[in-house]
Amino acid sequence: MVNPMTTVKMVASGLIMCIGGPALVMWVTPTEEELFLRYNPELQKRSLENRREKQEDFDQFVNNLKEYSKSDKPIWAVQKEVDEQNRRTAAAKLRNDQSELAAEAERRRQEIRSSAA
């Protein structure tokens, strides 16, 4: 036969662990504001300056995820395609800039040769 006192002890210890454990963690864990106040003044200033930029980056990231989720493909596949397209665009722009610089350099050489002659 099961002793009723053992059952009461087990239920009480289970409640203490299930309720008291998370309550202890919440009581011990500092809030974001408390952590921020523990920073030295220089870090606080830098954090406040970078807050808007980080928020904009996060918003852009979330908007991109929303856009990628509209596709039938997995998000990581769409992200890979977009990254590849961005890389190609950047490479094409770099080639274009280099060709413009080379043309400018050649034009200057021609001006120098024509003015020397």
N, C-alpha and C. Protein backbone atom coordinates (compact mmCIF):
# COMPACT_ATOMS: atom_id res chain seq x y z
N MET A 1 0.82 -1.17 0.00
CA MET A 1 0.00 0.00 0.00
C MET A 1 0.87 1.25 0.00
N VAL A 2 0.44 2.28 -0.67
CA VAL A 2 1.20 3.52 -0.75
C VAL A 2 0.89 4.36 0.48
N ASN A 3 1.94 4.84 1.08
CA ASN A 3 1.80 5.68 2.27
C ASN A 3 1.32 7.06 1.83
N PRO A 4 0.21 7.58 2.38
CA PRO A 4 -0.29 8.89 1.97
C PRO A 4 0.69 10.01 2.28
N MET A 5 1.47 9.88 3.30
CA MET A 5 2.45 10.91 3.65
C MET A 5 3.53 11.02 2.56
N THR A 6 3.94 9.88 1.99
CA THR A 6 4.93 9.89 0.91
C THR A 6 4.36 10.61 -0.32
N THR A 7 3.10 10.35 -0.60
CA THR A 7 2.46 11.01 -1.74
C THR A 7 2.40 12.52 -1.54
N VAL A 8 2.07 12.94 -0.35
CA VAL A 8 2.02 14.37 -0.05
C VAL A 8 3.41 15.00 -0.19
N LYS A 9 4.42 14.30 0.30
CA LYS A 9 5.79 14.80 0.19
C LYS A 9 6.21 14.93 -1.28
N MET A 10 5.87 13.94 -2.09
CA MET A 10 6.25 13.96 -3.50
C MET A 10 5.53 15.09 -4.24
N VAL A 11 4.26 15.28 -3.97
CA VAL A 11 3.50 16.35 -4.62
C VAL A 11 4.05 17.71 -4.19
N ALA A 12 4.35 17.87 -2.89
CA ALA A 12 4.88 19.14 -2.40
C ALA A 12 6.25 19.43 -3.01
N SER A 13 7.13 18.42 -3.06
CA SER A 13 8.46 18.65 -3.64
C SER A 13 8.35 18.94 -5.13
N GLY A 14 7.43 18.30 -5.85
CA GLY A 14 7.23 18.58 -7.27
C GLY A 14 6.74 20.00 -7.49
N LEU A 15 5.80 20.45 -6.66
CA LEU A 15 5.32 21.83 -6.78
C LEU A 15 6.43 22.83 -6.48
N ILE A 16 7.23 22.54 -5.48
CA ILE A 16 8.34 23.46 -5.14
C ILE A 16 9.30 23.56 -6.32
N MET A 17 9.62 22.42 -6.95
CA MET A 17 10.56 22.47 -8.08
C MET A 17 9.94 23.12 -9.32
N CYS A 18 8.68 22.80 -9.60
CA CYS A 18 8.03 23.32 -10.82
C CYS A 18 7.69 24.79 -10.71
N ILE A 19 7.38 25.27 -9.52
CA ILE A 19 7.02 26.67 -9.34
C ILE A 19 8.20 27.48 -8.81
N GLY A 20 8.91 26.90 -7.84
CA GLY A 20 10.01 27.63 -7.21
C GLY A 20 11.23 27.79 -8.09
N GLY A 21 11.52 26.81 -8.95
CA GLY A 21 12.69 26.90 -9.82
C GLY A 21 12.60 28.07 -10.79
N PRO A 22 11.55 28.14 -11.60
CA PRO A 22 11.42 29.30 -12.49
C PRO A 22 11.30 30.62 -11.74
N ALA A 23 10.63 30.60 -10.57
CA ALA A 23 10.52 31.83 -9.79
C ALA A 23 11.89 32.30 -9.32
N LEU A 24 12.74 31.36 -8.91
CA LEU A 24 14.10 31.70 -8.49
C LEU A 24 14.90 32.28 -9.66
N VAL A 25 14.78 31.68 -10.82
CA VAL A 25 15.50 32.17 -12.00
C VAL A 25 15.04 33.58 -12.36
N MET A 26 13.72 33.82 -12.32
CA MET A 26 13.22 35.15 -12.63
C MET A 26 13.68 36.18 -11.59
N TRP A 27 13.79 35.78 -10.36
CA TRP A 27 14.19 36.69 -9.29
C TRP A 27 15.67 37.04 -9.40
N VAL A 28 16.50 36.08 -9.82
CA VAL A 28 17.95 36.27 -9.88
C VAL A 28 18.39 36.97 -11.17
N THR A 29 17.68 36.75 -12.28
CA THR A 29 18.08 37.30 -13.57
C THR A 29 17.83 38.81 -13.61
N PRO A 30 18.87 39.59 -13.97
CA PRO A 30 18.68 41.04 -14.05
C PRO A 30 17.90 41.43 -15.31
N THR A 31 17.22 42.55 -15.23
CA THR A 31 16.49 43.06 -16.39
C THR A 31 17.47 43.73 -17.35
N GLU A 32 17.00 44.05 -18.55
CA GLU A 32 17.86 44.72 -19.53
C GLU A 32 18.30 46.08 -19.01
N GLU A 33 17.40 46.76 -18.33
CA GLU A 33 17.72 48.09 -17.79
C GLU A 33 18.82 47.99 -16.72
N GLU A 34 18.73 46.98 -15.86
CA GLU A 34 19.76 46.79 -14.83
C GLU A 34 21.11 46.48 -15.47
N LEU A 35 21.10 45.66 -16.50
CA LEU A 35 22.36 45.36 -17.20
C LEU A 35 22.93 46.61 -17.85
N PHE A 36 22.06 47.40 -18.47
CA PHE A 36 22.52 48.63 -19.13
C PHE A 36 23.14 49.58 -18.12
N LEU A 37 22.54 49.69 -16.95
CA LEU A 37 23.07 50.59 -15.92
C LEU A 37 24.40 50.12 -15.37
N ARG A 38 24.72 48.83 -15.52
CA ARG A 38 26.01 48.30 -15.05
C ARG A 38 27.14 48.59 -16.04
N TYR A 39 26.80 48.98 -17.27
CA TYR A 39 27.83 49.35 -18.25
C TYR A 39 28.58 50.57 -17.75
N ASN A 40 29.84 50.70 -18.22
CA ASN A 40 30.52 51.95 -17.93
C ASN A 40 29.94 53.04 -18.84
N PRO A 41 30.11 54.30 -18.50
CA PRO A 41 29.47 55.39 -19.27
C PRO A 41 29.81 55.39 -20.75
N GLU A 42 31.04 55.01 -21.09
CA GLU A 42 31.42 55.00 -22.51
C GLU A 42 30.62 53.96 -23.28
N LEU A 43 30.46 52.76 -22.70
CA LEU A 43 29.67 51.73 -23.36
C LEU A 43 28.20 52.12 -23.44
N GLN A 44 27.69 52.78 -22.42
CA GLN A 44 26.30 53.24 -22.46
C GLN A 44 26.10 54.22 -23.61
N LYS A 45 27.04 55.15 -23.76
CA LYS A 45 26.94 56.15 -24.82
C LYS A 45 26.99 55.48 -26.19
N ARG A 46 27.94 54.55 -26.36
CA ARG A 46 28.09 53.86 -27.64
C ARG A 46 26.85 53.01 -27.94
N SER A 47 26.31 52.38 -26.91
CA SER A 47 25.11 51.56 -27.10
C SER A 47 23.93 52.42 -27.53
N LEU A 48 23.78 53.58 -26.93
CA LEU A 48 22.68 54.46 -27.30
C LEU A 48 22.85 54.99 -28.72
N GLU A 49 24.11 55.25 -29.12
CA GLU A 49 24.36 55.75 -30.48
C GLU A 49 24.05 54.68 -31.52
N ASN A 50 24.35 53.44 -31.20
CA ASN A 50 24.17 52.35 -32.17
C ASN A 50 22.78 51.74 -32.13
N ARG A 51 21.94 52.16 -31.20
CA ARG A 51 20.63 51.55 -31.02
C ARG A 51 19.76 51.69 -32.27
N ARG A 52 19.71 52.87 -32.86
CA ARG A 52 18.88 53.09 -34.04
C ARG A 52 19.35 52.24 -35.22
N GLU A 53 20.66 52.19 -35.41
CA GLU A 53 21.20 51.41 -36.52
C GLU A 53 20.89 49.92 -36.35
N LYS A 54 21.06 49.42 -35.13
CA LYS A 54 20.75 48.01 -34.87
C LYS A 54 19.27 47.73 -35.06
N GLN A 55 18.43 48.64 -34.64
CA GLN A 55 16.99 48.46 -34.82
C GLN A 55 16.62 48.45 -36.30
N GLU A 56 17.23 49.34 -37.08
CA GLU A 56 16.97 49.36 -38.52
C GLU A 56 17.45 48.08 -39.19
N ASP A 57 18.63 47.58 -38.77
CA ASP A 57 19.13 46.32 -39.31
C ASP A 57 18.18 45.17 -39.00
N PHE A 58 17.70 45.15 -37.77
CA PHE A 58 16.77 44.09 -37.37
C PHE A 58 15.47 44.18 -38.15
N ASP A 59 14.96 45.40 -38.30
CA ASP A 59 13.72 45.58 -39.07
C ASP A 59 13.90 45.14 -40.51
N GLN A 60 15.05 45.47 -41.10
CA GLN A 60 15.34 45.05 -42.47
C GLN A 60 15.42 43.52 -42.55
N PHE A 61 16.05 42.91 -41.56
CA PHE A 61 16.15 41.45 -41.52
C PHE A 61 14.77 40.81 -41.46
N VAL A 62 13.90 41.32 -40.59
CA VAL A 62 12.55 40.78 -40.45
C VAL A 62 11.75 40.99 -41.74
N ASN A 63 11.88 42.16 -42.35
CA ASN A 63 11.18 42.41 -43.62
C ASN A 63 11.66 41.46 -44.71
N ASN A 64 12.98 41.21 -44.74
CA ASN A 64 13.51 40.25 -45.72
C ASN A 64 12.94 38.86 -45.47
N LEU A 65 12.88 38.45 -44.20
CA LEU A 65 12.32 37.12 -43.89
C LEU A 65 10.87 37.03 -44.32
N LYS A 66 10.11 38.09 -44.10
CA LYS A 66 8.71 38.09 -44.52
C LYS A 66 8.61 37.95 -46.04
N GLU A 67 9.47 38.68 -46.75
CA GLU A 67 9.47 38.61 -48.20
C GLU A 67 9.88 37.22 -48.69
N TYR A 68 10.90 36.64 -48.06
CA TYR A 68 11.37 35.31 -48.46
C TYR A 68 10.32 34.24 -48.15
N SER A 69 9.53 34.43 -47.11
CA SER A 69 8.55 33.42 -46.73
C SER A 69 7.37 33.37 -47.71
N LYS A 70 7.22 34.38 -48.54
CA LYS A 70 6.13 34.38 -49.52
C LYS A 70 6.39 33.39 -50.64
N SER A 71 7.64 32.98 -50.80
CA SER A 71 7.99 32.04 -51.85
C SER A 71 7.61 30.62 -51.43
N ASP A 72 7.47 29.73 -52.43
CA ASP A 72 7.21 28.32 -52.13
C ASP A 72 8.46 27.60 -51.68
N LYS A 73 9.61 28.18 -51.94
CA LYS A 73 10.88 27.57 -51.58
C LYS A 73 11.19 27.81 -50.11
N PRO A 74 12.10 27.01 -49.54
CA PRO A 74 12.53 27.28 -48.16
C PRO A 74 13.23 28.63 -48.07
N ILE A 75 13.16 29.23 -46.91
CA ILE A 75 13.72 30.58 -46.72
C ILE A 75 15.21 30.59 -47.02
N TRP A 76 15.94 29.54 -46.58
CA TRP A 76 17.39 29.54 -46.78
C TRP A 76 17.74 29.44 -48.26
N ALA A 77 16.91 28.76 -49.06
CA ALA A 77 17.17 28.68 -50.50
C ALA A 77 16.95 30.04 -51.16
N VAL A 78 15.88 30.71 -50.77
CA VAL A 78 15.61 32.04 -51.32
C VAL A 78 16.71 33.01 -50.91
N GLN A 79 17.14 32.92 -49.64
CA GLN A 79 18.23 33.78 -49.15
C GLN A 79 19.51 33.54 -49.96
N LYS A 80 19.80 32.29 -50.24
CA LYS A 80 20.99 31.97 -51.02
C LYS A 80 20.89 32.57 -52.43
N GLU A 81 19.70 32.47 -53.05
CA GLU A 81 19.52 33.05 -54.38
C GLU A 81 19.69 34.57 -54.35
N VAL A 82 19.13 35.21 -53.35
CA VAL A 82 19.23 36.66 -53.24
C VAL A 82 20.69 37.07 -53.01
N ASP A 83 21.39 36.33 -52.15
CA ASP A 83 22.80 36.62 -51.91
C ASP A 83 23.62 36.48 -53.19
N GLU A 84 23.32 35.43 -53.97
CA GLU A 84 24.03 35.22 -55.23
C GLU A 84 23.74 36.35 -56.21
N GLN A 85 22.48 36.78 -56.27
CA GLN A 85 22.11 37.89 -57.15
C GLN A 85 22.81 39.18 -56.71
N ASN A 86 22.85 39.44 -55.41
CA ASN A 86 23.53 40.63 -54.90
C ASN A 86 25.02 40.59 -55.20
N ARG A 87 25.61 39.39 -55.09
CA ARG A 87 27.03 39.25 -55.38
C ARG A 87 27.31 39.53 -56.85
N ARG A 88 26.45 39.01 -57.73
CA ARG A 88 26.62 39.27 -59.16
C ARG A 88 26.48 40.75 -59.47
N THR A 89 25.50 41.39 -58.86
CA THR A 89 25.28 42.83 -59.08
C THR A 89 26.49 43.63 -58.61
N ALA A 90 27.02 43.28 -57.45
CA ALA A 90 28.19 43.98 -56.94
C ALA A 90 29.40 43.76 -57.83
N ALA A 91 29.57 42.53 -58.34
CA ALA A 91 30.69 42.25 -59.23
C ALA A 91 30.56 43.02 -60.54
N ALA A 92 29.35 43.10 -61.07
CA ALA A 92 29.13 43.85 -62.32
C ALA A 92 29.39 45.33 -62.10
N LYS A 93 28.97 45.85 -60.97
CA LYS A 93 29.21 47.26 -60.66
C LYS A 93 30.72 47.52 -60.52
N LEU A 94 31.42 46.61 -59.88
CA LEU A 94 32.86 46.76 -59.73
C LEU A 94 33.56 46.75 -61.08
N ARG A 95 33.14 45.82 -61.96
CA ARG A 95 33.74 45.78 -63.30
C ARG A 95 33.45 47.08 -64.06
N ASN A 96 32.24 47.59 -63.93
CA ASN A 96 31.86 48.83 -64.60
C ASN A 96 32.71 49.99 -64.07
N ASP A 97 32.86 50.07 -62.75
CA ASP A 97 33.67 51.13 -62.15
C ASP A 97 35.12 51.04 -62.61
N GLN A 98 35.64 49.81 -62.67
CA GLN A 98 37.03 49.64 -63.11
C GLN A 98 37.21 50.04 -64.56
N SER A 99 36.23 49.70 -65.41
CA SER A 99 36.35 50.08 -66.82
C SER A 99 36.26 51.59 -66.98
N GLU A 100 35.40 52.23 -66.16
CA GLU A 100 35.33 53.70 -66.21
C GLU A 100 36.64 54.33 -65.76
N LEU A 101 37.25 53.79 -64.73
CA LEU A 101 38.54 54.31 -64.26
C LEU A 101 39.63 54.11 -65.32
N ALA A 102 39.61 52.94 -65.97
CA ALA A 102 40.60 52.68 -67.02
C ALA A 102 40.39 53.64 -68.19
N ALA A 103 39.15 53.90 -68.57
CA ALA A 103 38.87 54.82 -69.67
C ALA A 103 39.31 56.24 -69.29
N GLU A 104 39.07 56.64 -68.06
CA GLU A 104 39.49 57.97 -67.59
C GLU A 104 41.01 58.08 -67.61
N ALA A 105 41.70 57.03 -67.17
CA ALA A 105 43.16 57.05 -67.17
C ALA A 105 43.69 57.14 -68.60
N GLU A 106 43.08 56.40 -69.51
CA GLU A 106 43.51 56.45 -70.91
C GLU A 106 43.25 57.82 -71.51
N ARG A 107 42.12 58.43 -71.19
CA ARG A 107 41.80 59.77 -71.68
C ARG A 107 42.83 60.78 -71.17
N ARG A 108 43.23 60.65 -69.91
CA ARG A 108 44.25 61.56 -69.36
C ARG A 108 45.60 61.37 -70.04
N ARG A 109 45.94 60.11 -70.31
CA ARG A 109 47.21 59.85 -71.01
C ARG A 109 47.19 60.50 -72.39
N GLN A 110 46.07 60.39 -73.09
CA GLN A 110 45.95 60.99 -74.41
C GLN A 110 46.07 62.51 -74.32
N GLU A 111 45.45 63.11 -73.29
CA GLU A 111 45.57 64.58 -73.11
C GLU A 111 47.01 64.97 -72.86
N ILE A 112 47.70 64.21 -72.03
CA ILE A 112 49.10 64.52 -71.73
C ILE A 112 49.96 64.39 -72.98
N ARG A 113 49.73 63.33 -73.77
CA ARG A 113 50.51 63.13 -75.00
C ARG A 113 50.23 64.24 -76.00
N SER A 114 48.96 64.61 -76.13
CA SER A 114 48.62 65.65 -77.10
C SER A 114 49.15 67.02 -76.66
N SER A 115 49.18 67.30 -75.36
CA SER A 115 49.69 68.60 -74.91
C SER A 115 51.21 68.64 -74.96
N ALA A 116 51.88 67.49 -74.88
CA ALA A 116 53.33 67.45 -74.95
C ALA A 116 53.80 67.61 -76.38
N ALA A 117 53.02 67.19 -77.33
CA ALA A 117 53.45 67.22 -78.72
C ALA A 117 53.30 68.55 -79.37
